Amino acid sequence: MEFDPIPIGSCSKENQIIYQQWFNYADSDGDGRITGSDATKFFAMSNLSRQDLKQVWAIADSKRQGYLGFAEFIIAMQPITQDLLSSDVELKNLKPPTMDGLDVLMAKKRHKEKEVDSNVSNNAGNSPLQPSPSSSSWFSSKSTKKVSLSSVTSIIDGLKKLYIQKLRPLEATYRFNDFVSPLLTNSDFEAKPMVMLLGQYSTGKTTFIKHLLKSSYPGAHIGPEPTTDRFVVVMSGPDERSIPGNTVAVQADMPFSGLTSFGTAFLSKFECSQMPHPLLDHITFVDSPGVLSGEKQRTQRAYDFTGVTSWFAAKCDLILLLFDPHKLDISDEFKRVISSLRGHDDKIRVVLNKADQVDTQQLMRVYGALMWSLGKVLNTPEVMRVYIGSFNDKPINDAVSGPIGKELFEKEQEDLLSDLKDIPKKACDRRINEFVKRARAAKIHAYIISHLKREMPAMMGKAKAQQKLIDNLAAAFGKVQREFHLPPGDFPDVEHFRETLSGYNFDKFEKLKPKMIQAVDDMLGYDIPNLLKNFRNPYD
């Protein structure tokens, strides 16, 4: 027999409070649902026969979801009478049914929770991470334990411990690494700040690095043709040597294990160049192959070039787009590369290199043309910072640029070097920001995955239901966004998510685990602010 669900509002406020307490007790895993095993244990206390209990379940679970939410639980709690199915019944006049032994069991549970809370308070003692009285109300008694600052040595060390204890379990449970970003390792936290150089061939990317280091580095090749045909990471090391990409990707002390997802075709075009250098003790450079233009674009690369640049962009602290006065056109491949940097606009700087090859009047026209070209591609209202100069070891060509040009280039070079010197200091702040962004993304991902799991039928028509969910993924995102009051802008790209989802069985996804979500909320609202309060940026 099916009937329209009875609204919660029809039940008196007093009874709703009682039912909420009962529901919380019956919901053993705290996921907001009572499933078969929970229901069997709880409803047995009503002393109803098995046949009556079946009828209770059938009436309450009228949508055949296989579980009871709070609204359905209220329906199940009403006496099973013919009058209940008629519209004449007054729910406000119905008293909660008698549940034998429930009061005793709930009292025992409350006593245990008080003991646990008391032990946590006693063990914490003088820990600086205990919440102040004003902030203690932000967290429920079920709040996860806090990370003790006594074992933390720095902000980065604290973030690492918080990730392992609170964020990583959520990411692993809901396969965040398959959809968004690989799980973080120790080397991801400990890696030095990175600067990536992008641009068409022969715009001076490799020369720029040599100019900053004031020396060459292993594997550096310079020429008018596309000489750098691979991604080269230039970093500090005990001696000068080049390490092949396949070896770099599996070294635990380097933050490049995620590049294995691009396959051996890419790894054969990737290498690490190590050398002892004071600048490299603080910054790592990423030199990239020249972006193709004109007829050369017809040549297909053997790996996902834009995917690799996007991967590095997420890891880097600064991204330099290099142009020269004779290569201002932005090719189709360059457009795709710049598009792959979306979301990292704050890291992008533009360098107009080899500017001493044109006179002052031509330079003004070149600068205007460059800003016009970039404006069409970047799609941002903010104006990009453009550094103008000639970043190589040769003296500035005074005959062409004139005295005004020379003074301008020197000041621009000073500004750029100052920007680079600030990177280590800003890197600490950026990592905190990126960590918080990652935690928010992981929470939204967990909500999406658990929603897809919840929408799957219990028995029949699973394949059809899954395909329907994939087809209507944007609508599913909307439901999750409204249900949990999440910002729409924080949701992942629908098409990319749909493409990844097609290889999974939704039935194998995990249902929502509120305790994991609570742990991440506690981390964002309590642990990270306390970490920042107790530790300073080491570069301040």
Protein backbone atom coordinates (compact mmCIF):
# COMPACT_ATOMS: atom_id res chain seq x y z
CA MET A 1 0.00 0.00 0.00
CA GLU A 2 1.40 3.40 -0.96
CA PHE A 3 0.41 6.82 0.37
CA ASP A 4 1.74 10.36 0.38
CA PRO A 5 4.53 10.81 2.95
CA ILE A 6 3.53 12.56 6.18
CA PRO A 7 5.46 15.83 6.55
CA ILE A 8 7.73 16.34 9.56
CA GLY A 9 5.90 19.59 10.32
CA SER A 10 2.74 17.61 11.15
CA CYS A 11 4.56 16.11 14.15
CA SER A 12 4.71 18.16 17.38
CA LYS A 13 8.01 19.90 18.24
CA GLU A 14 8.31 17.90 21.48
CA ASN A 15 7.96 14.60 19.61
CA GLN A 16 10.39 15.72 16.92
CA ILE A 17 13.07 16.28 19.59
CA ILE A 18 12.47 12.77 20.99
CA TYR A 19 12.52 11.20 17.51
CA GLN A 20 15.74 13.03 16.64
CA GLN A 21 17.43 11.56 19.73
CA TRP A 22 16.14 8.09 18.85
CA PHE A 23 17.21 8.47 15.24
CA ASN A 24 20.75 9.53 16.25
CA TYR A 25 20.99 6.48 18.51
CA ALA A 26 19.72 4.07 15.84
CA ASP A 27 22.02 5.55 13.19
CA SER A 28 25.12 3.69 14.43
CA ASP A 29 27.55 4.99 11.77
CA GLY A 30 26.23 8.57 11.78
CA ASP A 31 25.58 8.73 8.03
CA GLY A 32 22.07 10.17 8.34
CA ARG A 33 20.38 6.89 7.35
CA ILE A 34 19.03 3.83 9.09
CA THR A 35 19.65 0.71 7.04
CA GLY A 36 18.37 -2.84 7.53
CA SER A 37 20.72 -3.96 10.33
CA ASP A 38 20.27 -0.70 12.29
CA ALA A 39 16.48 -0.89 11.89
CA THR A 40 16.25 -4.54 12.98
CA LYS A 41 18.06 -3.85 16.27
CA PHE A 42 16.13 -0.66 16.99
CA PHE A 43 12.59 -1.69 16.05
CA ALA A 44 12.95 -4.95 17.99
CA MET A 45 12.53 -2.82 21.15
CA SER A 46 8.95 -2.02 20.05
CA ASN A 47 7.91 -5.68 20.75
CA LEU A 48 6.03 -5.75 17.44
CA SER A 49 5.82 -9.02 15.57
CA ARG A 50 8.05 -9.63 12.57
CA GLN A 51 5.04 -9.28 10.26
CA ASP A 52 4.14 -5.91 11.81
CA LEU A 53 7.75 -4.72 11.50
CA LYS A 54 7.69 -5.59 7.78
CA GLN A 55 4.56 -3.45 7.44
CA VAL A 56 6.25 -0.60 9.33
CA TRP A 57 9.20 -0.72 6.92
CA ALA A 58 6.98 -0.95 3.82
CA ILE A 59 4.95 2.10 4.87
CA ALA A 60 7.97 4.18 5.91
CA ASP A 61 10.19 3.25 2.93
CA SER A 62 7.47 3.99 0.38
CA LYS A 63 10.08 5.07 -2.20
CA ARG A 64 11.87 1.70 -1.92
CA GLN A 65 15.22 3.34 -1.18
CA GLY A 66 16.39 0.56 1.13
CA TYR A 67 16.97 2.94 4.06
CA LEU A 68 15.12 5.42 6.29
CA GLY A 69 16.01 9.08 6.54
CA PHE A 70 14.72 11.17 9.46
CA ALA A 71 11.38 11.95 7.74
CA GLU A 72 10.75 8.26 7.00
CA PHE A 73 11.84 7.38 10.54
CA ILE A 74 9.07 9.60 11.96
CA ILE A 75 6.54 7.83 9.75
CA ALA A 76 7.83 4.44 10.97
CA MET A 77 7.43 5.55 14.58
CA GLN A 78 3.67 6.16 14.29
CA PRO A 79 1.30 3.36 15.44
CA ILE A 80 0.28 1.11 12.55
CA THR A 81 -3.43 1.78 12.37
CA GLN A 82 -5.91 2.19 9.58
CA ASP A 83 -6.58 5.70 10.87
CA LEU A 84 -2.96 6.70 10.18
CA LEU A 85 -3.47 6.14 6.46
CA SER A 86 -6.40 8.51 6.36
CA SER A 87 -6.02 12.26 6.11
CA ASP A 88 -8.13 12.77 9.23
CA VAL A 89 -5.42 11.66 11.65
CA GLU A 90 -3.77 14.38 13.78
CA LEU A 91 -0.08 13.56 14.22
CA LYS A 92 0.28 16.17 16.94
CA ASN A 93 -2.04 14.10 19.11
CA LEU A 94 -0.04 10.88 18.67
CA LYS A 95 2.45 9.99 21.38
CA PRO A 96 5.78 8.24 20.63
CA PRO A 97 5.50 4.45 20.86
CA THR A 98 6.96 2.58 23.83
CA MET A 99 10.45 1.21 23.17
CA ASP A 100 11.52 -1.27 25.86
CA GLY A 101 15.00 -0.62 27.26
CA LEU A 102 15.77 2.29 24.91
CA ASP A 103 16.11 4.89 27.68
CA VAL A 104 18.66 2.70 29.51
CA LEU A 105 20.73 2.10 26.34
CA MET A 106 20.74 5.81 25.45
CA ALA A 107 21.79 6.72 29.00
CA LYS A 108 24.71 4.27 28.77
CA LYS A 109 25.78 5.75 25.44
CA ARG A 110 25.70 9.29 26.85
CA HIS A 111 27.74 8.17 29.86
CA LYS A 112 30.40 6.62 27.56
CA GLU A 113 30.59 9.80 25.47
CA LYS A 114 31.12 11.88 28.63
CA GLU A 115 33.92 9.54 29.74
CA VAL A 116 35.62 9.83 26.33
CA ASP A 117 35.33 13.64 26.37
CA SER A 118 36.69 13.73 29.92
CA ASN A 119 39.67 11.52 28.98
CA VAL A 120 40.47 13.65 25.93
CA SER A 121 40.43 16.81 28.07
CA ASN A 122 42.64 15.25 30.76
CA ASN A 123 45.14 13.84 28.26
CA ALA A 124 45.35 17.11 26.39
CA GLY A 125 46.44 18.88 29.58
CA ASN A 126 48.31 22.00 28.64
CA SER A 127 48.24 21.39 24.88
CA PRO A 128 48.17 24.74 23.06
CA LEU A 129 45.71 23.31 20.55
CA GLN A 130 42.81 23.10 23.06
CA PRO A 131 39.98 25.39 21.91
CA SER A 132 39.21 28.51 23.88
CA PRO A 133 35.78 28.67 25.62
CA SER A 134 34.53 31.02 22.92
CA SER A 135 35.42 28.62 20.12
CA SER A 136 34.49 25.33 21.82
CA SER A 137 30.86 25.75 20.77
CA TRP A 138 31.91 25.51 17.12
CA PHE A 139 32.56 21.80 17.45
CA SER A 140 30.26 19.00 18.61
CA SER A 141 31.17 16.43 21.25
CA LYS A 142 31.80 14.01 18.39
CA SER A 143 34.53 16.28 16.99
CA THR A 144 37.70 14.43 16.06
CA LYS A 145 40.81 14.79 18.18
CA LYS A 146 43.08 17.71 17.43
CA VAL A 147 46.65 17.43 16.19
CA SER A 148 49.05 18.24 19.05
CA LEU A 149 51.42 21.10 18.26
CA SER A 150 54.04 19.57 20.55
CA SER A 151 55.00 17.16 17.72
CA VAL A 152 54.95 19.84 14.99
CA THR A 153 58.16 21.64 13.98
CA SER A 154 56.90 24.09 11.31
CA ILE A 155 53.87 25.17 9.31
CA ILE A 156 54.72 22.73 6.50
CA ASP A 157 55.27 19.90 8.99
CA GLY A 158 51.90 20.70 10.57
CA LEU A 159 50.15 20.64 7.18
CA LYS A 160 51.77 17.29 6.44
CA LYS A 161 50.50 15.77 9.69
CA LEU A 162 47.02 17.23 9.19
CA TYR A 163 46.91 15.81 5.68
CA ILE A 164 47.86 12.30 6.82
CA GLN A 165 45.47 12.27 9.77
CA LYS A 166 42.43 14.11 8.44
CA LEU A 167 42.40 14.88 4.71
CA ARG A 168 44.05 11.86 3.12
CA PRO A 169 41.48 9.35 4.56
CA LEU A 170 38.67 11.36 2.92
CA GLU A 171 40.55 11.53 -0.41
CA ALA A 172 41.31 7.80 -0.43
CA THR A 173 37.74 6.80 0.54
CA TYR A 174 36.13 8.76 -2.30
CA ARG A 175 38.92 8.24 -4.91
CA PHE A 176 39.85 11.91 -5.11
CA ASN A 177 43.18 10.85 -6.61
CA ASP A 178 41.45 9.25 -9.62
CA PHE A 179 39.30 12.28 -10.42
CA VAL A 180 41.14 15.42 -9.33
CA SER A 181 44.71 15.11 -8.06
CA PRO A 182 47.06 12.32 -6.93
CA LEU A 183 47.45 11.71 -3.21
CA LEU A 184 50.20 13.91 -1.74
CA THR A 185 53.50 12.48 -0.55
CA ASN A 186 56.13 13.83 1.85
CA SER A 187 58.14 15.17 -1.08
CA ASP A 188 55.16 17.28 -2.20
CA PHE A 189 55.27 19.14 1.11
CA GLU A 190 59.05 19.37 1.34
CA ALA A 191 59.77 20.37 -2.29
CA LYS A 192 61.36 23.74 -2.98
CA PRO A 193 59.28 26.44 -4.74
CA MET A 194 59.19 25.98 -8.53
CA VAL A 195 59.23 28.43 -11.43
CA MET A 196 58.07 27.21 -14.85
CA LEU A 197 59.04 28.89 -18.14
CA LEU A 198 56.70 28.62 -21.14
CA GLY A 199 56.94 30.15 -24.60
CA GLN A 200 57.52 29.45 -28.27
CA TYR A 201 60.88 28.09 -29.34
CA SER A 202 63.83 30.49 -29.33
CA THR A 203 62.22 33.07 -27.03
CA GLY A 204 65.12 32.65 -24.58
CA LYS A 205 63.74 30.29 -21.90
CA THR A 206 66.95 28.28 -21.41
CA THR A 207 69.09 31.42 -21.72
CA PHE A 208 66.92 33.08 -19.05
CA ILE A 209 67.73 30.30 -16.55
CA LYS A 210 71.43 30.44 -17.43
CA HIS A 211 71.34 34.22 -16.94
CA LEU A 212 69.90 33.86 -13.43
CA LEU A 213 72.34 31.09 -12.49
CA LYS A 214 75.23 32.91 -14.20
CA SER A 215 76.37 29.53 -15.51
CA SER A 216 75.16 26.71 -17.73
CA TYR A 217 73.56 23.56 -16.35
CA PRO A 218 73.72 19.90 -17.45
CA GLY A 219 71.65 19.25 -20.55
CA ALA A 220 71.22 22.92 -21.54
CA HIS A 221 71.12 23.52 -25.30
CA ILE A 222 70.67 26.91 -26.96
CA GLY A 223 70.06 27.74 -30.60
CA PRO A 224 67.68 29.48 -33.03
CA GLU A 225 65.91 26.19 -33.78
CA PRO A 226 63.72 24.27 -31.21
CA THR A 227 66.66 22.98 -29.15
CA THR A 228 64.89 22.07 -25.89
CA ASP A 229 62.68 19.14 -26.93
CA ARG A 230 61.94 18.02 -23.38
CA PHE A 231 60.85 19.22 -19.96
CA VAL A 232 63.96 19.82 -17.85
CA VAL A 233 63.75 20.36 -14.09
CA VAL A 234 66.81 22.33 -12.91
CA MET A 235 67.32 21.76 -9.19
CA SER A 236 69.93 21.65 -6.46
CA GLY A 237 72.15 18.57 -6.12
CA PRO A 238 75.51 17.50 -4.70
CA ASP A 239 77.13 17.42 -8.15
CA GLU A 240 76.38 18.18 -11.79
CA ARG A 241 74.40 15.41 -13.47
CA SER A 242 71.33 14.65 -15.59
CA ILE A 243 68.79 12.07 -14.37
CA PRO A 244 66.41 10.43 -16.90
CA GLY A 245 62.66 11.03 -16.45
CA ASN A 246 61.78 7.40 -15.74
CA THR A 247 64.21 7.43 -12.80
CA VAL A 248 63.08 10.85 -11.50
CA ALA A 249 59.41 9.80 -11.47
CA VAL A 250 60.01 6.89 -9.08
CA GLN A 251 62.34 8.66 -6.63
CA ALA A 252 60.53 9.08 -3.31
CA ASP A 253 62.46 12.24 -2.40
CA MET A 254 61.29 14.09 -5.54
CA PRO A 255 57.76 15.48 -6.07
CA PHE A 256 57.33 14.11 -9.61
CA SER A 257 55.69 10.70 -9.08
CA GLY A 258 52.40 12.08 -10.46
CA LEU A 259 54.00 12.41 -13.91
CA THR A 260 53.93 8.63 -14.35
CA SER A 261 50.26 9.02 -15.37
CA PHE A 262 51.45 10.59 -18.66
CA GLY A 263 53.24 7.37 -19.66
CA THR A 264 56.69 6.49 -20.94
CA ALA A 265 56.21 8.62 -24.08
CA PHE A 266 56.38 11.68 -21.84
CA LEU A 267 58.94 10.35 -19.35
CA SER A 268 61.38 9.81 -22.21
CA LYS A 269 61.03 13.56 -22.88
CA PHE A 270 61.59 14.52 -19.25
CA GLU A 271 64.81 14.83 -17.27
CA CYS A 272 66.22 16.38 -14.12
CA SER A 273 69.35 18.50 -14.21
CA GLN A 274 71.11 18.77 -10.85
CA MET A 275 73.95 21.06 -9.82
CA PRO A 276 75.18 22.78 -6.63
CA HIS A 277 74.09 26.44 -6.68
CA PRO A 278 72.99 28.89 -3.95
CA LEU A 279 69.90 30.03 -5.93
CA LEU A 280 68.81 26.41 -6.51
CA ASP A 281 68.91 25.84 -2.75
CA HIS A 282 65.76 27.97 -2.63
CA ILE A 283 64.13 27.68 -6.08
CA THR A 284 63.70 24.95 -8.70
CA PHE A 285 63.27 25.88 -12.39
CA VAL A 286 61.22 23.99 -14.98
CA ASP A 287 62.35 24.54 -18.57
CA SER A 288 59.80 23.43 -21.18
CA PRO A 289 59.93 22.55 -24.90
CA GLY A 290 59.19 25.44 -27.23
CA VAL A 291 55.48 25.73 -28.02
CA LEU A 292 54.93 24.95 -31.69
CA SER A 293 53.63 27.49 -34.19
CA GLY A 294 52.79 27.68 -37.90
CA GLU A 295 53.38 24.51 -39.92
CA LYS A 296 55.20 22.87 -37.03
CA GLN A 297 51.82 22.51 -35.25
CA ARG A 298 50.95 19.76 -37.70
CA THR A 299 53.52 17.59 -35.96
CA GLN A 300 51.73 15.66 -33.23
CA ARG A 301 53.48 15.23 -29.90
CA ALA A 302 53.55 11.69 -28.51
CA TYR A 303 52.16 12.81 -25.13
CA ASP A 304 49.58 15.18 -23.66
CA PHE A 305 51.59 18.42 -23.73
CA THR A 306 48.85 20.66 -22.29
CA GLY A 307 48.10 18.04 -19.62
CA VAL A 308 51.75 18.10 -18.52
CA THR A 309 51.86 21.92 -18.42
CA SER A 310 48.66 21.91 -16.37
CA TRP A 311 50.20 19.40 -13.93
CA PHE A 312 53.30 21.55 -13.48
CA ALA A 313 51.19 24.73 -13.21
CA ALA A 314 49.42 23.28 -10.15
CA LYS A 315 52.79 22.54 -8.53
CA CYS A 316 54.61 25.74 -9.48
CA ASP A 317 54.72 29.00 -7.55
CA LEU A 318 55.44 31.22 -10.55
CA ILE A 319 54.76 30.76 -14.28
CA LEU A 320 56.69 32.92 -16.75
CA LEU A 321 55.30 33.29 -20.29
CA LEU A 322 58.18 34.39 -22.54
CA PHE A 323 57.75 36.32 -25.79
CA ASP A 324 60.18 38.17 -28.00
CA PRO A 325 59.38 41.15 -30.28
CA HIS A 326 59.43 38.95 -33.39
CA LYS A 327 57.24 36.14 -31.96
CA LEU A 328 54.08 37.82 -30.69
CA ASP A 329 51.58 35.55 -32.44
CA ILE A 330 49.84 33.09 -30.13
CA SER A 331 49.52 29.79 -31.97
CA ASP A 332 46.71 27.26 -31.44
CA GLU A 333 48.99 25.11 -29.28
CA PHE A 334 50.02 28.14 -27.21
CA LYS A 335 46.32 29.01 -26.73
CA ARG A 336 45.67 25.50 -25.42
CA VAL A 337 48.68 25.78 -23.11
CA ILE A 338 47.52 29.14 -21.71
CA SER A 339 43.98 27.77 -21.29
CA SER A 340 45.42 24.88 -19.28
CA LEU A 341 46.77 27.45 -16.81
CA ARG A 342 43.25 28.59 -15.89
CA GLY A 343 42.83 28.77 -12.14
CA HIS A 344 46.48 29.77 -11.69
CA ASP A 345 46.19 33.33 -13.01
CA ASP A 346 47.80 34.77 -9.88
CA LYS A 347 51.02 32.88 -10.66
CA ILE A 348 51.40 34.09 -14.25
CA ARG A 349 53.91 36.77 -15.25
CA VAL A 350 54.72 37.81 -18.81
CA VAL A 351 58.29 38.46 -19.96
CA LEU A 352 58.90 40.39 -23.16
CA ASN A 353 62.45 39.20 -23.80
CA LYS A 354 65.05 40.41 -26.31
CA ALA A 355 63.47 43.87 -26.16
CA ASP A 356 66.80 45.54 -27.06
CA GLN A 357 66.35 44.29 -30.64
CA VAL A 358 63.83 47.09 -31.39
CA ASP A 359 63.92 50.85 -30.78
CA THR A 360 61.72 52.65 -28.23
CA GLN A 361 58.93 53.53 -30.70
CA GLN A 362 58.72 49.98 -32.03
CA LEU A 363 58.80 48.65 -28.46
CA MET A 364 55.66 50.64 -27.60
CA ARG A 365 53.86 49.11 -30.59
CA VAL A 366 55.14 45.63 -29.72
CA TYR A 367 53.95 46.03 -26.13
CA GLY A 368 50.47 47.11 -27.29
CA ALA A 369 50.22 44.20 -29.74
CA LEU A 370 51.30 41.75 -27.04
CA MET A 371 48.66 43.00 -24.55
CA TRP A 372 45.99 42.82 -27.26
CA SER A 373 46.92 39.21 -28.12
CA LEU A 374 47.03 38.14 -24.48
CA GLY A 375 43.70 39.83 -23.70
CA LYS A 376 41.95 37.59 -26.21
CA VAL A 377 43.42 34.40 -24.71
CA LEU A 378 43.57 34.99 -20.97
CA ASN A 379 39.93 36.12 -20.57
CA THR A 380 40.61 37.96 -17.33
CA PRO A 381 39.77 41.56 -16.36
CA GLU A 382 43.09 41.92 -14.54
CA VAL A 383 46.08 43.25 -16.48
CA MET A 384 49.04 40.86 -16.44
CA ARG A 385 52.37 42.11 -15.12
CA VAL A 386 54.76 42.34 -18.07
CA TYR A 387 58.54 42.51 -17.55
CA ILE A 388 60.39 44.12 -20.45
CA GLY A 389 64.08 43.48 -20.96
CA SER A 390 66.85 41.47 -22.47
CA PHE A 391 67.52 38.62 -20.08
CA ASN A 392 70.85 37.24 -21.23
CA ASP A 393 74.52 37.75 -20.46
CA LYS A 394 75.18 40.06 -23.42
CA PRO A 395 75.39 43.83 -22.88
CA ILE A 396 72.25 45.76 -23.83
CA ASN A 397 72.28 47.01 -27.43
CA ASP A 398 72.40 50.77 -26.79
CA ALA A 399 72.51 51.57 -30.49
CA VAL A 400 68.96 50.27 -30.94
CA SER A 401 67.29 50.72 -27.55
CA GLY A 402 68.90 54.08 -26.64
CA PRO A 403 69.58 55.40 -23.11
CA ILE A 404 65.87 55.38 -22.12
CA GLY A 405 65.56 51.73 -23.12
CA LYS A 406 68.68 50.76 -21.20
CA GLU A 407 67.45 52.40 -17.99
CA LEU A 408 64.01 50.80 -18.40
CA PHE A 409 65.48 47.31 -18.92
CA GLU A 410 67.69 47.59 -15.85
CA LYS A 411 64.75 48.61 -13.64
CA GLU A 412 62.55 45.86 -15.07
CA GLN A 413 65.27 43.29 -14.42
CA GLU A 414 65.54 44.47 -10.81
CA ASP A 415 61.75 44.11 -10.38
CA LEU A 416 61.77 40.61 -11.83
CA LEU A 417 64.68 39.51 -9.61
CA SER A 418 62.85 40.97 -6.61
CA ASP A 419 59.76 38.96 -7.58
CA LEU A 420 61.87 35.80 -7.77
CA LYS A 421 63.48 36.49 -4.38
CA ASP A 422 60.02 36.72 -2.80
CA ILE A 423 59.02 33.29 -4.08
CA PRO A 424 60.26 31.25 -1.09
CA LYS A 425 58.41 33.55 1.32
CA LYS A 426 55.23 33.49 -0.77
CA ALA A 427 55.53 29.72 -1.30
CA CYS A 428 54.70 29.01 2.34
CA ASP A 429 51.56 31.15 2.14
CA ARG A 430 50.65 29.60 -1.21
CA ARG A 431 50.95 26.07 0.17
CA ILE A 432 48.55 26.90 2.97
CA ASN A 433 46.17 28.41 0.41
CA GLU A 434 46.50 25.41 -1.93
CA PHE A 435 46.01 23.01 1.00
CA VAL A 436 42.77 24.73 2.00
CA LYS A 437 41.59 24.74 -1.64
CA ARG A 438 42.38 21.03 -1.87
CA ALA A 439 40.46 20.28 1.33
CA ARG A 440 37.40 22.15 0.05
CA ALA A 441 37.63 20.34 -3.30
CA ALA A 442 37.95 16.96 -1.53
CA LYS A 443 34.83 17.69 0.54
CA ILE A 444 32.79 18.60 -2.54
CA HIS A 445 34.11 15.50 -4.31
CA ALA A 446 33.00 13.32 -1.36
CA TYR A 447 29.52 14.88 -1.47
CA ILE A 448 29.25 14.21 -5.23
CA ILE A 449 30.45 10.60 -5.06
CA SER A 450 28.23 9.74 -2.07
CA HIS A 451 25.26 11.39 -3.81
CA LEU A 452 25.77 9.23 -6.91
CA LYS A 453 25.96 6.16 -4.65
CA ARG A 454 22.77 7.19 -2.85
CA GLU A 455 20.86 7.65 -6.12
CA MET A 456 21.58 4.09 -7.24
CA PRO A 457 18.70 1.58 -6.87
CA ALA A 458 19.08 -1.24 -4.35
CA MET A 459 18.34 -4.09 -6.76
CA MET A 460 17.15 -3.74 -10.36
CA GLY A 461 18.07 -1.39 -13.21
CA LYS A 462 21.47 -0.32 -11.92
CA ALA A 463 23.14 0.09 -15.32
CA LYS A 464 20.28 2.21 -16.62
CA ALA A 465 20.22 4.36 -13.47
CA GLN A 466 23.99 4.91 -13.64
CA GLN A 467 23.84 6.01 -17.28
CA LYS A 468 21.00 8.40 -16.45
CA LEU A 469 23.06 9.92 -13.63
CA ILE A 470 26.05 10.36 -15.96
CA ASP A 471 23.88 11.99 -18.63
CA ASN A 472 22.31 14.36 -16.06
CA LEU A 473 25.51 15.06 -14.13
CA ALA A 474 25.00 18.84 -14.16
CA ALA A 475 21.63 18.35 -12.45
CA ALA A 476 23.27 16.06 -9.87
CA PHE A 477 25.87 18.78 -9.17
CA GLY A 478 23.00 21.23 -8.66
CA LYS A 479 21.29 18.94 -6.15
CA VAL A 480 24.50 18.50 -4.14
CA GLN A 481 25.17 22.22 -4.24
CA ARG A 482 21.69 23.05 -2.90
CA GLU A 483 21.59 20.26 -0.33
CA PHE A 484 24.89 21.20 1.33
CA HIS A 485 24.84 24.96 0.50
CA LEU A 486 28.10 24.85 -1.45
CA PRO A 487 29.49 27.56 -3.78
CA PRO A 488 28.79 26.61 -7.44
CA GLY A 489 32.22 27.92 -8.47
CA ASP A 490 33.97 25.27 -6.35
CA PHE A 491 32.53 22.36 -8.34
CA PRO A 492 34.70 20.48 -10.88
CA ASP A 493 34.29 20.69 -14.64
CA VAL A 494 31.20 18.64 -15.57
CA GLU A 495 32.57 17.23 -18.83
CA HIS A 496 35.88 16.13 -17.35
CA PHE A 497 34.12 14.56 -14.37
CA ARG A 498 31.66 12.77 -16.65
CA GLU A 499 34.49 11.36 -18.75
CA THR A 500 36.25 9.98 -15.65
CA LEU A 501 33.02 8.59 -14.18
CA SER A 502 32.32 6.41 -17.22
CA GLY A 503 34.93 3.88 -16.08
CA TYR A 504 33.43 3.30 -12.62
CA ASN A 505 30.64 1.26 -11.04
CA PHE A 506 28.66 3.68 -8.86
CA ASP A 507 27.48 0.79 -6.70
CA LYS A 508 31.07 0.39 -5.43
CA PHE A 509 31.26 4.01 -4.28
CA GLU A 510 31.18 4.79 -0.56
CA LYS A 511 28.19 6.40 1.12
CA LEU A 512 28.68 9.69 2.96
CA LYS A 513 30.67 9.44 6.18
CA PRO A 514 29.87 12.56 8.25
CA LYS A 515 32.70 11.88 10.72
CA MET A 516 35.25 12.21 7.90
CA ILE A 517 33.64 15.46 6.76
CA GLN A 518 33.63 16.70 10.36
CA ALA A 519 37.35 15.90 10.68
CA VAL A 520 38.11 18.07 7.63
CA ASP A 521 35.82 20.85 8.91
CA ASP A 522 37.65 20.78 12.25
CA MET A 523 40.97 20.95 10.42
CA LEU A 524 39.88 24.00 8.39
CA GLY A 525 38.14 25.79 11.25
CA TYR A 526 40.47 24.99 14.11
CA ASP A 527 43.75 23.19 13.39
CA ILE A 528 45.05 25.37 10.54
CA PRO A 529 44.28 28.72 12.27
CA ASN A 530 46.06 27.44 15.40
CA LEU A 531 48.99 26.29 13.30
CA LEU A 532 49.35 29.77 11.82
CA LYS A 533 48.99 31.33 15.27
CA ASN A 534 51.81 29.24 16.75
CA PHE A 535 54.29 29.16 13.84
CA ARG A 536 55.66 31.94 11.65
CA ASN A 537 56.60 31.84 8.01
CA PRO A 538 60.32 30.83 8.12
CA TYR A 539 61.14 33.54 5.55
CA ASP A 540 59.54 36.39 7.57
